[in-house]
Amino acid sequence: MAGLHRLSHVLFCAIVLVILEILFPRNYMFTSEFAERNLLYKAGFLVGVSQVKLIMLCLGFTAMECYFIACGQGYRPARVNDKGIKEDENFNAIRSIDIVPILTLESWQAAVNAWNI
């Protein structure tokens, strides 16, 4: 189930990445037309380009997690820890990021906890 959750994040990031790449092409920043635009337009365009980079990073890290889950590297069998508490088996033991709290930014603490690198 954890793999399907992560796979849905990968598909979401891939779709958003394609849309943002169409709306904010990075090569446009190096044209003379962009240089003649006003400062507010340039700042807004740079925010869009930075979102492209953020989504690209989220896509890469989440795809890596899917790979770990699919090949079994993220599996941790059920065991009893040092305190005597039984831990269930976990197929998603290796977790890098959770993109939903990062993109919604409900609180800084949630965003920092979600980017667990």
Protein backbone atom coordinates (compact mmCIF):
# COMPACT_ATOMS: atom_id res chain seq x y z
CA MET A 1 0.00 0.00 0.00
CA ALA A 2 2.86 2.36 0.75
CA GLY A 3 4.20 1.76 -2.75
CA LEU A 4 0.91 2.81 -4.36
CA HIS A 5 0.83 5.94 -2.20
CA ARG A 6 4.33 6.88 -3.33
CA LEU A 7 3.56 5.97 -6.94
CA SER A 8 0.61 8.36 -6.90
CA HIS A 9 3.00 11.09 -5.71
CA VAL A 10 5.37 10.27 -8.58
CA LEU A 11 2.58 10.51 -11.14
CA PHE A 12 1.34 13.78 -9.61
CA CYS A 13 4.84 15.28 -9.69
CA ALA A 14 5.41 14.15 -13.28
CA ILE A 15 2.16 15.76 -14.48
CA VAL A 16 2.80 19.01 -12.58
CA LEU A 17 6.41 19.07 -13.83
CA VAL A 18 5.30 18.84 -17.47
CA ILE A 19 2.76 21.62 -16.99
CA LEU A 20 5.22 23.90 -15.19
CA GLU A 21 7.95 23.26 -17.77
CA ILE A 22 5.54 24.41 -20.48
CA LEU A 23 4.50 27.51 -18.52
CA PHE A 24 7.98 28.48 -17.28
CA PRO A 25 10.68 27.40 -19.77
CA ARG A 26 14.11 28.06 -18.30
CA ASN A 27 15.65 28.99 -21.66
CA TYR A 28 13.31 31.97 -21.90
CA MET A 29 15.29 33.71 -19.13
CA PHE A 30 18.27 34.03 -21.47
CA THR A 31 16.42 35.84 -24.25
CA SER A 32 16.43 39.57 -24.91
CA GLU A 33 12.63 39.61 -24.67
CA PHE A 34 12.86 38.50 -21.02
CA ALA A 35 15.53 41.13 -20.33
CA GLU A 36 13.19 43.87 -21.53
CA ARG A 37 10.35 42.82 -19.18
CA ASN A 38 9.66 44.69 -15.94
CA LEU A 39 10.98 43.58 -12.56
CA LEU A 40 7.66 42.25 -11.28
CA TYR A 41 7.31 39.94 -14.29
CA LYS A 42 10.89 38.72 -13.85
CA ALA A 43 10.36 38.01 -10.16
CA GLY A 44 7.15 36.08 -10.85
CA PHE A 45 8.83 34.09 -13.60
CA LEU A 46 11.72 33.19 -11.30
CA VAL A 47 9.25 31.96 -8.67
CA GLY A 48 7.72 29.70 -11.32
CA VAL A 49 11.14 28.39 -12.36
CA SER A 50 12.00 27.67 -8.72
CA GLN A 51 8.78 25.66 -8.41
CA VAL A 52 9.89 23.62 -11.42
CA LYS A 53 13.11 22.77 -9.56
CA LEU A 54 11.23 21.90 -6.35
CA ILE A 55 8.84 19.58 -8.18
CA MET A 56 11.79 18.02 -10.02
CA LEU A 57 13.50 17.23 -6.69
CA CYS A 58 10.26 15.85 -5.24
CA LEU A 59 9.82 13.66 -8.31
CA GLY A 60 13.35 12.27 -8.04
CA PHE A 61 13.24 11.53 -4.33
CA THR A 62 9.75 10.01 -4.46
CA ALA A 63 10.68 7.85 -7.46
CA MET A 64 13.70 6.64 -5.48
CA GLU A 65 11.40 5.67 -2.60
CA CYS A 66 9.16 3.75 -5.01
CA TYR A 67 12.21 1.88 -6.23
CA PHE A 68 13.23 0.98 -2.67
CA ILE A 69 9.72 -0.28 -1.90
CA ALA A 70 9.44 -2.22 -5.19
CA CYS A 71 12.77 -4.03 -4.83
CA GLY A 72 12.32 -4.75 -1.12
CA GLN A 73 15.10 -2.55 0.25
CA GLY A 74 12.57 -0.59 2.30
CA TYR A 75 11.24 -3.73 4.04
CA ARG A 76 11.72 -4.16 7.78
CA PRO A 77 10.28 -7.37 9.28
CA ALA A 78 8.11 -7.41 12.41
CA ARG A 79 10.21 -7.48 15.57
CA VAL A 80 10.26 -6.62 19.25
CA ASN A 81 12.37 -3.54 19.97
CA ASP A 82 14.66 -2.94 22.96
CA LYS A 83 11.78 -1.66 25.12
CA GLY A 84 9.72 -4.81 24.53
CA ILE A 85 7.25 -3.13 22.18
CA LYS A 86 6.25 -5.14 19.11
CA GLU A 87 6.78 -3.27 15.83
CA ASP A 88 4.80 -4.35 12.77
CA GLU A 89 6.47 -5.12 9.49
CA ASN A 90 7.13 -2.03 7.42
CA PHE A 91 7.51 -1.94 3.65
CA ASN A 92 8.38 1.77 3.66
CA ALA A 93 11.22 1.86 6.20
CA ILE A 94 13.33 4.15 4.01
CA ARG A 95 11.51 7.46 3.64
CA SER A 96 13.04 10.61 2.22
CA ILE A 97 10.22 13.08 1.70
CA ASP A 98 6.47 13.46 1.90
CA ILE A 99 5.49 16.04 -0.70
CA VAL A 100 2.00 16.93 0.50
CA PRO A 101 3.08 18.83 3.68
CA ILE A 102 5.84 20.53 1.71
CA LEU A 103 3.51 21.79 -1.02
CA THR A 104 0.65 22.76 1.30
CA LEU A 105 2.98 24.38 3.87
CA GLU A 106 0.50 24.28 6.74
CA SER A 107 3.36 24.90 9.16
CA TRP A 108 7.13 25.16 8.96
CA GLN A 109 7.52 22.26 11.39
CA ALA A 110 5.42 19.98 9.15
CA ALA A 111 7.47 21.01 6.10
CA VAL A 112 10.78 20.37 7.84
CA ASN A 113 9.59 17.01 9.18
CA ALA A 114 8.38 16.04 5.70
CA TRP A 115 11.79 16.74 4.14
CA ASN A 116 13.61 13.98 6.00
CA ILE A 117 16.97 13.85 4.24
